[in-house]
Each structure stands twice: as structure tokens, then as C-alpha cells.
Amino acid sequence: MPLPGPPRQPRSIYNDPDCHCLAACASQPMTLLAPQINGALFLSYDGALWYVPGLEPGPWDWRYATPVDASHPLFEAIDLIADFLHETHAGLLPLIHLL
């Protein structure tokens, strides 16, 4: 899916119905694939935790991507998951130029 704005800019729209990414775009924030909940969890550009449901056989249903807030069923796990994604992102930063 072409990203809004200039190429290679951080993704900022997460519920675009025209997105057909199978996993993540190059500018997609840190993402945790979670088949146990039929979806993926990811950090937005500003660090908020989002959930996107999966479609069969593999693309994501970006129309229904939603932030994990107090009304979301995953709210109780928000701190654990967001902290894991933040720590993983920080741990990988020093390796970026090694690849």
C-alpha cells in the first residue's frame, strides 16, 4: 500500500481500508504477530498500542485496526505488551546499521 505523504515517512494512518499488507509495511512500527488472538499488536508512531484483526489466509483487516484503550478486551495486558514492544525496539536500534 502506498503510504500517505512522501515515501519512507513513518506510517501514521493505521485503519486505511485500502491497505492490503500481509504483515507490515517498511514504516510499520514494532509489531507482534499474535495468532492466538487472530491478529497483531503494534505500537503507533507515537507509542500507543494498536490491534489489527487478521483475515484468512493472511492479510490484515486494516479497516478495523483500533487503539487498545479501556474499552478494548486486551486492555488488561496493555502495559505488559507495550513495554515488551518498546524494549524490543530499543534493543534492536543498535543493530540497525549492522544489517
N, C-alpha and C. Protein backbone atom coordinates (compact mmCIF):
# COMPACT_ATOMS: atom_id res chain seq x y z
N MET A 1 0.84 -1.18 0.00
CA MET A 1 0.00 0.00 0.00
C MET A 1 0.88 1.24 0.00
N PRO A 2 0.66 2.17 -0.87
CA PRO A 2 1.41 3.42 -0.82
C PRO A 2 1.05 4.17 0.46
N LEU A 3 2.03 4.71 1.09
CA LEU A 3 1.81 5.45 2.33
C LEU A 3 1.39 6.88 2.02
N PRO A 4 0.57 7.48 2.87
CA PRO A 4 0.23 8.87 2.66
C PRO A 4 1.47 9.74 2.86
N GLY A 5 1.59 10.76 2.06
CA GLY A 5 2.73 11.67 2.20
C GLY A 5 3.95 11.17 1.45
N PRO A 6 5.10 11.81 1.68
CA PRO A 6 6.32 11.44 0.98
C PRO A 6 6.75 10.01 1.29
N PRO A 7 7.39 9.32 0.32
CA PRO A 7 7.84 7.95 0.56
C PRO A 7 8.80 7.86 1.74
N ARG A 8 8.78 6.70 2.40
CA ARG A 8 9.66 6.37 3.52
C ARG A 8 9.39 7.20 4.78
N GLN A 9 8.27 7.89 4.84
CA GLN A 9 7.89 8.60 6.04
C GLN A 9 7.20 7.64 6.99
N PRO A 10 7.29 7.88 8.30
CA PRO A 10 6.61 6.97 9.24
C PRO A 10 5.11 6.87 8.96
N ARG A 11 4.60 5.68 9.09
CA ARG A 11 3.17 5.45 8.88
C ARG A 11 2.38 6.12 9.99
N SER A 12 1.31 6.79 9.64
CA SER A 12 0.52 7.47 10.67
C SER A 12 -0.96 7.13 10.59
N ILE A 13 -1.40 6.46 9.53
CA ILE A 13 -2.80 6.04 9.38
C ILE A 13 -2.83 4.52 9.46
N TYR A 14 -3.51 3.99 10.45
CA TYR A 14 -3.47 2.55 10.69
C TYR A 14 -4.76 1.82 10.34
N ASN A 15 -5.81 2.54 10.01
CA ASN A 15 -7.08 1.88 9.69
C ASN A 15 -7.55 2.26 8.28
N ASP A 16 -6.62 2.23 7.34
CA ASP A 16 -6.91 2.53 5.94
C ASP A 16 -7.52 1.30 5.28
N PRO A 17 -8.75 1.38 4.78
CA PRO A 17 -9.39 0.20 4.17
C PRO A 17 -8.72 -0.25 2.88
N ASP A 18 -7.87 0.60 2.27
CA ASP A 18 -7.19 0.23 1.04
C ASP A 18 -5.86 -0.47 1.28
N CYS A 19 -5.43 -0.61 2.52
CA CYS A 19 -4.18 -1.29 2.82
C CYS A 19 -4.38 -2.80 2.75
N HIS A 20 -3.48 -3.47 2.06
CA HIS A 20 -3.55 -4.92 1.90
C HIS A 20 -2.24 -5.58 2.30
N CYS A 21 -1.51 -4.98 3.21
CA CYS A 21 -0.23 -5.53 3.64
C CYS A 21 -0.43 -6.91 4.26
N LEU A 22 0.47 -7.83 3.93
CA LEU A 22 0.38 -9.17 4.50
C LEU A 22 0.94 -9.21 5.91
N ALA A 23 1.95 -8.43 6.21
CA ALA A 23 2.49 -8.41 7.57
C ALA A 23 2.65 -6.97 8.02
N ALA A 24 3.60 -6.27 7.45
CA ALA A 24 3.84 -4.90 7.85
C ALA A 24 4.53 -4.15 6.73
N CYS A 25 4.27 -2.87 6.66
CA CYS A 25 4.96 -2.01 5.71
C CYS A 25 6.33 -1.68 6.26
N ALA A 26 7.19 -1.18 5.38
CA ALA A 26 8.54 -0.82 5.81
C ALA A 26 8.53 0.21 6.93
N SER A 27 7.51 1.05 6.96
CA SER A 27 7.45 2.06 8.01
C SER A 27 6.50 1.68 9.14
N GLN A 28 6.02 0.45 9.14
CA GLN A 28 5.15 -0.03 10.22
C GLN A 28 5.93 -0.04 11.53
N PRO A 29 5.35 0.42 12.59
CA PRO A 29 6.04 0.35 13.89
C PRO A 29 6.25 -1.09 14.35
N MET A 30 6.96 -1.28 15.44
CA MET A 30 7.24 -2.61 16.01
C MET A 30 5.92 -3.38 16.14
N THR A 31 5.90 -4.62 15.63
CA THR A 31 4.67 -5.40 15.55
C THR A 31 4.85 -6.77 16.17
N LEU A 32 3.84 -7.23 16.91
CA LEU A 32 3.81 -8.56 17.48
C LEU A 32 2.69 -9.34 16.81
N LEU A 33 3.06 -10.36 16.02
CA LEU A 33 2.05 -11.21 15.39
C LEU A 33 1.50 -12.14 16.46
N ALA A 34 0.19 -12.19 16.58
CA ALA A 34 -0.44 -12.94 17.67
C ALA A 34 -1.58 -13.81 17.14
N PRO A 35 -1.25 -14.99 16.58
CA PRO A 35 -2.31 -15.85 16.05
C PRO A 35 -3.29 -16.31 17.12
N GLN A 36 -2.88 -16.31 18.38
CA GLN A 36 -3.76 -16.72 19.47
C GLN A 36 -4.98 -15.82 19.59
N ILE A 37 -4.84 -14.58 19.15
CA ILE A 37 -5.96 -13.64 19.20
C ILE A 37 -6.36 -13.20 17.79
N ASN A 38 -5.93 -14.00 16.80
CA ASN A 38 -6.26 -13.75 15.39
C ASN A 38 -5.97 -12.32 14.97
N GLY A 39 -4.76 -11.86 15.28
CA GLY A 39 -4.42 -10.51 14.88
C GLY A 39 -2.98 -10.17 15.19
N ALA A 40 -2.71 -8.90 15.22
CA ALA A 40 -1.38 -8.39 15.54
C ALA A 40 -1.53 -7.17 16.43
N LEU A 41 -0.53 -6.96 17.25
CA LEU A 41 -0.47 -5.80 18.12
C LEU A 41 0.76 -5.00 17.71
N PHE A 42 0.62 -3.69 17.66
CA PHE A 42 1.77 -2.88 17.26
C PHE A 42 1.72 -1.53 17.93
N LEU A 43 2.88 -0.89 17.97
CA LEU A 43 2.99 0.46 18.51
C LEU A 43 2.77 1.45 17.38
N SER A 44 1.97 2.46 17.64
CA SER A 44 1.80 3.52 16.66
C SER A 44 3.06 4.38 16.67
N TYR A 45 3.13 5.30 15.73
CA TYR A 45 4.30 6.18 15.64
C TYR A 45 4.50 6.96 16.94
N ASP A 46 3.42 7.27 17.65
CA ASP A 46 3.55 8.00 18.91
C ASP A 46 3.62 7.09 20.13
N GLY A 47 3.71 5.76 19.92
CA GLY A 47 3.92 4.82 21.02
C GLY A 47 2.68 4.20 21.62
N ALA A 48 1.51 4.46 21.07
CA ALA A 48 0.28 3.84 21.59
C ALA A 48 0.16 2.42 21.03
N LEU A 49 -0.45 1.54 21.81
CA LEU A 49 -0.64 0.15 21.38
C LEU A 49 -1.93 0.04 20.56
N TRP A 50 -1.83 -0.63 19.40
CA TRP A 50 -2.96 -0.86 18.50
C TRP A 50 -3.12 -2.34 18.24
N TYR A 51 -4.33 -2.74 17.87
CA TYR A 51 -4.65 -4.12 17.48
C TYR A 51 -5.24 -4.09 16.08
N VAL A 52 -4.83 -5.04 15.23
CA VAL A 52 -5.43 -5.20 13.91
C VAL A 52 -5.81 -6.67 13.76
N PRO A 53 -7.09 -6.95 13.43
CA PRO A 53 -7.51 -8.34 13.26
C PRO A 53 -6.96 -8.92 11.96
N GLY A 54 -6.78 -10.23 11.95
CA GLY A 54 -6.33 -10.92 10.75
C GLY A 54 -7.48 -11.39 9.91
N LEU A 55 -7.22 -11.52 8.62
CA LEU A 55 -8.16 -12.11 7.69
C LEU A 55 -7.57 -13.42 7.21
N GLU A 56 -8.38 -14.32 6.77
CA GLU A 56 -7.86 -15.57 6.20
C GLU A 56 -7.57 -15.33 4.73
N PRO A 57 -6.48 -15.79 4.20
CA PRO A 57 -5.44 -16.62 4.78
C PRO A 57 -4.21 -15.84 5.25
N GLY A 58 -4.25 -14.55 5.44
CA GLY A 58 -3.06 -13.90 5.95
C GLY A 58 -3.03 -12.38 5.98
N PRO A 59 -3.76 -11.66 5.13
CA PRO A 59 -3.69 -10.20 5.24
C PRO A 59 -4.39 -9.71 6.50
N TRP A 60 -4.17 -8.47 6.79
CA TRP A 60 -4.78 -7.84 7.97
C TRP A 60 -5.99 -7.05 7.54
N ASP A 61 -6.97 -6.96 8.43
CA ASP A 61 -8.18 -6.20 8.14
C ASP A 61 -8.00 -4.78 8.70
N TRP A 62 -7.24 -3.98 7.95
CA TRP A 62 -6.87 -2.65 8.42
C TRP A 62 -8.07 -1.75 8.65
N ARG A 63 -9.21 -2.07 8.05
CA ARG A 63 -10.42 -1.25 8.29
C ARG A 63 -10.77 -1.24 9.77
N TYR A 64 -10.43 -2.32 10.48
CA TYR A 64 -10.82 -2.46 11.88
C TYR A 64 -9.65 -2.35 12.85
N ALA A 65 -8.53 -1.81 12.39
CA ALA A 65 -7.42 -1.54 13.31
C ALA A 65 -7.91 -0.52 14.33
N THR A 66 -7.56 -0.75 15.58
CA THR A 66 -8.07 0.11 16.64
C THR A 66 -7.06 0.24 17.77
N PRO A 67 -6.99 1.41 18.39
CA PRO A 67 -6.11 1.53 19.56
C PRO A 67 -6.65 0.68 20.71
N VAL A 68 -5.73 0.15 21.49
CA VAL A 68 -6.13 -0.62 22.68
C VAL A 68 -6.35 0.40 23.80
N ASP A 69 -7.62 0.61 24.14
CA ASP A 69 -7.96 1.56 25.20
C ASP A 69 -8.77 0.84 26.27
N ALA A 70 -9.32 1.57 27.21
CA ALA A 70 -10.02 0.97 28.35
C ALA A 70 -11.20 0.09 27.94
N SER A 71 -11.77 0.31 26.77
CA SER A 71 -12.91 -0.50 26.34
C SER A 71 -12.49 -1.73 25.53
N HIS A 72 -11.21 -1.85 25.23
CA HIS A 72 -10.72 -2.97 24.42
C HIS A 72 -10.50 -4.21 25.28
N PRO A 73 -10.83 -5.42 24.76
CA PRO A 73 -10.65 -6.65 25.54
C PRO A 73 -9.20 -6.92 25.97
N LEU A 74 -8.22 -6.35 25.28
CA LEU A 74 -6.81 -6.56 25.64
C LEU A 74 -6.26 -5.51 26.59
N PHE A 75 -7.13 -4.64 27.09
CA PHE A 75 -6.67 -3.52 27.91
C PHE A 75 -5.85 -3.97 29.12
N GLU A 76 -6.24 -5.07 29.76
CA GLU A 76 -5.52 -5.50 30.97
C GLU A 76 -4.07 -5.88 30.68
N ALA A 77 -3.77 -6.23 29.44
CA ALA A 77 -2.41 -6.63 29.07
C ALA A 77 -1.63 -5.49 28.40
N ILE A 78 -2.21 -4.30 28.35
CA ILE A 78 -1.60 -3.20 27.60
C ILE A 78 -0.18 -2.86 28.09
N ASP A 79 0.01 -2.77 29.39
CA ASP A 79 1.32 -2.40 29.91
C ASP A 79 2.38 -3.45 29.58
N LEU A 80 2.04 -4.71 29.78
CA LEU A 80 2.97 -5.80 29.50
C LEU A 80 3.38 -5.82 28.03
N ILE A 81 2.40 -5.75 27.15
CA ILE A 81 2.67 -5.84 25.71
C ILE A 81 3.38 -4.59 25.20
N ALA A 82 2.91 -3.43 25.58
CA ALA A 82 3.55 -2.18 25.13
C ALA A 82 4.99 -2.10 25.64
N ASP A 83 5.22 -2.46 26.90
CA ASP A 83 6.58 -2.45 27.44
C ASP A 83 7.48 -3.42 26.67
N PHE A 84 6.96 -4.61 26.35
CA PHE A 84 7.72 -5.60 25.57
C PHE A 84 8.10 -5.02 24.20
N LEU A 85 7.16 -4.40 23.52
CA LEU A 85 7.44 -3.84 22.20
C LEU A 85 8.41 -2.67 22.28
N HIS A 86 8.26 -1.80 23.28
CA HIS A 86 9.18 -0.67 23.45
C HIS A 86 10.60 -1.19 23.74
N GLU A 87 10.72 -2.16 24.65
CA GLU A 87 12.04 -2.70 24.99
C GLU A 87 12.68 -3.42 23.79
N THR A 88 11.89 -4.16 23.04
CA THR A 88 12.41 -4.85 21.87
C THR A 88 12.90 -3.84 20.84
N HIS A 89 12.11 -2.80 20.60
CA HIS A 89 12.51 -1.74 19.66
C HIS A 89 13.83 -1.11 20.10
N ALA A 90 13.92 -0.75 21.37
CA ALA A 90 15.14 -0.12 21.88
C ALA A 90 16.34 -1.07 21.77
N GLY A 91 16.12 -2.35 22.03
CA GLY A 91 17.20 -3.33 21.94
C GLY A 91 17.69 -3.56 20.52
N LEU A 92 16.81 -3.37 19.54
CA LEU A 92 17.19 -3.58 18.15
C LEU A 92 17.84 -2.34 17.51
N LEU A 93 17.61 -1.17 18.07
CA LEU A 93 18.16 0.05 17.47
C LEU A 93 19.67 0.00 17.22
N PRO A 94 20.47 -0.48 18.16
CA PRO A 94 21.92 -0.52 17.91
C PRO A 94 22.31 -1.46 16.76
N LEU A 95 21.44 -2.36 16.39
CA LEU A 95 21.76 -3.34 15.33
C LEU A 95 21.38 -2.86 13.93
N ILE A 96 20.67 -1.75 13.84
CA ILE A 96 20.14 -1.31 12.55
C ILE A 96 21.25 -1.17 11.50
N HIS A 97 22.36 -0.57 11.86
CA HIS A 97 23.42 -0.33 10.88
C HIS A 97 24.31 -1.54 10.67
N LEU A 98 24.10 -2.61 11.45
CA LEU A 98 24.89 -3.82 11.28
C LEU A 98 24.31 -4.73 10.21
N LEU A 99 23.04 -4.54 9.86
CA LEU A 99 22.39 -5.40 8.88
C LEU A 99 22.59 -4.95 7.47
